[in-house]
Amino acid sequence: MEYIGSCHCESVKFTLQTNLENVGQCNCSFCKRRNAIMALEKKEAIKIMHGVENLNLYQFNTNVAKHYFCTKCGIWVYSNRRFDPSGIAVNLGCIDEINTFELKVKLADNIHK
């Protein structure tokens, strides 16, 4: 299914192709602090429709994962994943029609790898 999402200020808008079968929450030091519920998909699943110039990059530790957030409102939108170079993690909180509190969420254990 295709969903439309955005950061909080709507400066960044995107579409996401997902069936919501692979939903996780990461326990690394960065994800723990942002507490996001993520769709784990292939990179091709997301298309930035508007505002790519408003995305900024944050990296830490090994600098493999690339975390993109809106420079205006600070909302994390998606990441290129460290342990899956062909995969992304998309913040499902950016999609209004998805209630993240009703999803079956599995732990993406990235501190013990």
C-alpha atoms as a PDB file:
ATOM      1  CA  MET A   1       0.000   0.000   0.000  1.00  0.00           C
ATOM      2  CA  GLU A   2       1.176   3.533  -0.665  1.00  0.00           C
ATOM      3  CA  TYR A   3       1.113   6.051   2.172  1.00  0.00           C
ATOM      4  CA  ILE A   4       1.788   9.787   2.103  1.00  0.00           C
ATOM      5  CA  GLY A   5       3.819  11.249   4.923  1.00  0.00           C
ATOM      6  CA  SER A   6       5.532  14.435   6.000  1.00  0.00           C
ATOM      7  CA  CYS A   7       7.614  15.971   8.721  1.00  0.00           C
ATOM      8  CA  HIS A   8       5.715  18.053  11.306  1.00  0.00           C
ATOM      9  CA  CYS A   9       5.945  21.369   9.421  1.00  0.00           C
ATOM     10  CA  GLU A  10       5.255  19.648   6.063  1.00  0.00           C
ATOM     11  CA  SER A  11       8.441  21.038   4.529  1.00  0.00           C
ATOM     12  CA  VAL A  12       9.351  17.447   3.621  1.00  0.00           C
ATOM     13  CA  LYS A  13       6.727  15.237   1.974  1.00  0.00           C
ATOM     14  CA  PHE A  14       7.166  11.661   0.820  1.00  0.00           C
ATOM     15  CA  THR A  15       5.392   8.515  -0.296  1.00  0.00           C
ATOM     16  CA  LEU A  16       6.104   5.117   1.220  1.00  0.00           C
ATOM     17  CA  GLN A  17       5.273   1.712  -0.214  1.00  0.00           C
ATOM     18  CA  THR A  18       4.786  -0.699   2.699  1.00  0.00           C
ATOM     19  CA  ASN A  19       2.551  -3.515   3.845  1.00  0.00           C
ATOM     20  CA  LEU A  20       3.448  -2.781   7.500  1.00  0.00           C
ATOM     21  CA  GLU A  21       4.666  -6.357   7.973  1.00  0.00           C
ATOM     22  CA  ASN A  22       8.166  -5.336   9.060  1.00  0.00           C
ATOM     23  CA  VAL A  23       7.692  -2.714  11.760  1.00  0.00           C
ATOM     24  CA  GLY A  24      10.345  -2.215  14.381  1.00  0.00           C
ATOM     25  CA  GLN A  25      11.761  -0.083  17.100  1.00  0.00           C
ATOM     26  CA  CYS A  26      15.540   0.122  17.382  1.00  0.00           C
ATOM     27  CA  ASN A  27      17.397   0.129  20.694  1.00  0.00           C
ATOM     28  CA  CYS A  28      20.586   1.926  19.600  1.00  0.00           C
ATOM     29  CA  SER A  29      21.521   5.082  21.515  1.00  0.00           C
ATOM     30  CA  PHE A  30      20.053   7.377  18.840  1.00  0.00           C
ATOM     31  CA  CYS A  31      16.773   5.524  18.236  1.00  0.00           C
ATOM     32  CA  LYS A  32      16.205   4.993  21.960  1.00  0.00           C
ATOM     33  CA  ARG A  33      16.168   8.752  22.411  1.00  0.00           C
ATOM     34  CA  ARG A  34      13.817   9.466  19.525  1.00  0.00           C
ATOM     35  CA  ASN A  35      11.533   6.495  20.366  1.00  0.00           C
ATOM     36  CA  ALA A  36      10.302   6.112  16.791  1.00  0.00           C
ATOM     37  CA  ILE A  37       8.284   3.254  15.333  1.00  0.00           C
ATOM     38  CA  MET A  38       9.775   2.421  11.939  1.00  0.00           C
ATOM     39  CA  ALA A  39       8.799   0.634   8.749  1.00  0.00           C
ATOM     40  CA  LEU A  40      11.804  -1.408   7.647  1.00  0.00           C
ATOM     41  CA  GLU A  41      11.764  -1.502   3.858  1.00  0.00           C
ATOM     42  CA  LYS A  42      14.008  -1.459   0.796  1.00  0.00           C
ATOM     43  CA  LYS A  43      15.403   1.943  -0.238  1.00  0.00           C
ATOM     44  CA  GLU A  44      13.129   2.000  -3.282  1.00  0.00           C
ATOM     45  CA  ALA A  45      10.054   2.078  -1.015  1.00  0.00           C
ATOM     46  CA  ILE A  46      10.407   5.800  -0.223  1.00  0.00           C
ATOM     47  CA  LYS A  47      10.152   8.698  -2.652  1.00  0.00           C
ATOM     48  CA  ILE A  48      10.745  12.257  -1.447  1.00  0.00           C
ATOM     49  CA  MET A  49       8.083  14.266  -3.273  1.00  0.00           C
ATOM     50  CA  HIS A  50       8.872  17.699  -1.866  1.00  0.00           C
ATOM     51  CA  GLY A  51      11.539  19.331   0.285  1.00  0.00           C
ATOM     52  CA  VAL A  52      14.638  17.219  -0.229  1.00  0.00           C
ATOM     53  CA  GLU A  53      16.578  20.471   0.263  1.00  0.00           C
ATOM     54  CA  ASN A  54      15.105  20.636   3.797  1.00  0.00           C
ATOM     55  CA  LEU A  55      16.600  17.281   4.806  1.00  0.00           C
ATOM     56  CA  ASN A  56      19.830  17.235   6.763  1.00  0.00           C
ATOM     57  CA  LEU A  57      22.046  14.289   7.614  1.00  0.00           C
ATOM     58  CA  TYR A  58      23.126  13.053  11.036  1.00  0.00           C
ATOM     59  CA  GLN A  59      25.688  10.271  11.524  1.00  0.00           C
ATOM     60  CA  PHE A  60      27.505   8.897  14.558  1.00  0.00           C
ATOM     61  CA  ASN A  61      29.716   6.028  15.738  1.00  0.00           C
ATOM     62  CA  THR A  62      30.627   4.051  12.567  1.00  0.00           C
ATOM     63  CA  ASN A  63      29.063   6.706  10.273  1.00  0.00           C
ATOM     64  CA  VAL A  64      27.471   3.945   8.185  1.00  0.00           C
ATOM     65  CA  ALA A  65      23.829   4.681   8.992  1.00  0.00           C
ATOM     66  CA  LYS A  66      22.505   7.942   7.566  1.00  0.00           C
ATOM     67  CA  HIS A  67      19.727   9.597   9.541  1.00  0.00           C
ATOM     68  CA  TYR A  68      17.743  12.296   7.712  1.00  0.00           C
ATOM     69  CA  PHE A  69      15.701  14.925   9.517  1.00  0.00           C
ATOM     70  CA  CYS A  70      13.899  18.147   8.619  1.00  0.00           C
ATOM     71  CA  THR A  71      16.059  21.231   9.165  1.00  0.00           C
ATOM     72  CA  LYS A  72      12.992  23.348   9.968  1.00  0.00           C
ATOM     73  CA  CYS A  73      11.041  21.281  12.525  1.00  0.00           C
ATOM     74  CA  GLY A  74      13.678  18.711  13.511  1.00  0.00           C
ATOM     75  CA  ILE A  75      11.545  15.631  12.860  1.00  0.00           C
ATOM     76  CA  TRP A  76      13.465  12.510  11.861  1.00  0.00           C
ATOM     77  CA  VAL A  77      12.001  11.208   8.586  1.00  0.00           C
ATOM     78  CA  TYR A  78      14.078   8.160   7.627  1.00  0.00           C
ATOM     79  CA  SER A  79      17.450   6.433   7.840  1.00  0.00           C
ATOM     80  CA  ASN A  80      19.625   4.344   5.593  1.00  0.00           C
ATOM     81  CA  ARG A  81      20.268   1.360   7.815  1.00  0.00           C
ATOM     82  CA  ARG A  82      23.654   0.289   9.140  1.00  0.00           C
ATOM     83  CA  PHE A  83      23.098  -3.478   9.045  1.00  0.00           C
ATOM     84  CA  ASP A  84      21.172  -3.545   5.777  1.00  0.00           C
ATOM     85  CA  PRO A  85      22.785  -1.342   3.096  1.00  0.00           C
ATOM     86  CA  SER A  86      19.821  -1.866   0.763  1.00  0.00           C
ATOM     87  CA  GLY A  87      17.283  -1.009   3.467  1.00  0.00           C
ATOM     88  CA  ILE A  88      15.744   2.040   5.079  1.00  0.00           C
ATOM     89  CA  ALA A  89      13.840   2.748   8.257  1.00  0.00           C
ATOM     90  CA  VAL A  90      10.988   5.232   7.860  1.00  0.00           C
ATOM     91  CA  ASN A  91       9.361   7.071  10.760  1.00  0.00           C
ATOM     92  CA  LEU A  92       5.748   5.853  10.717  1.00  0.00           C
ATOM     93  CA  GLY A  93       4.811   8.738  13.017  1.00  0.00           C
ATOM     94  CA  CYS A  94       5.144  10.941   9.928  1.00  0.00           C
ATOM     95  CA  ILE A  95       2.127   9.229   8.346  1.00  0.00           C
ATOM     96  CA  ASP A  96      -1.130  10.564   9.798  1.00  0.00           C
ATOM     97  CA  GLU A  97      -3.303   7.636   8.722  1.00  0.00           C
ATOM     98  CA  ILE A  98      -1.171   5.096  10.619  1.00  0.00           C
ATOM     99  CA  ASN A  99      -1.777   4.724  14.343  1.00  0.00           C
ATOM    100  CA  THR A 100       1.634   3.549  15.561  1.00  0.00           C
ATOM    101  CA  PHE A 101       0.150   2.647  18.959  1.00  0.00           C
ATOM    102  CA  GLU A 102      -1.876  -0.155  17.328  1.00  0.00           C
ATOM    103  CA  LEU A 103       0.979  -1.778  15.373  1.00  0.00           C
ATOM    104  CA  LYS A 104       2.736  -5.012  16.225  1.00  0.00           C
ATOM    105  CA  VAL A 105       6.287  -3.762  16.772  1.00  0.00           C
ATOM    106  CA  LYS A 106       9.370  -5.951  17.038  1.00  0.00           C
ATOM    107  CA  LEU A 107      12.703  -5.003  18.526  1.00  0.00           C
ATOM    108  CA  ALA A 108      15.454  -4.204  16.050  1.00  0.00           C
ATOM    109  CA  ASP A 109      18.340  -5.081  18.385  1.00  0.00           C
ATOM    110  CA  ASN A 110      21.237  -3.009  17.100  1.00  0.00           C
ATOM    111  CA  ILE A 111      23.250  -2.582  20.289  1.00  0.00           C
ATOM    112  CA  HIS A 112      24.219  -6.243  20.515  1.00  0.00           C
ATOM    113  CA  LYS A 113      25.497  -6.560  16.919  1.00  0.00           C
END
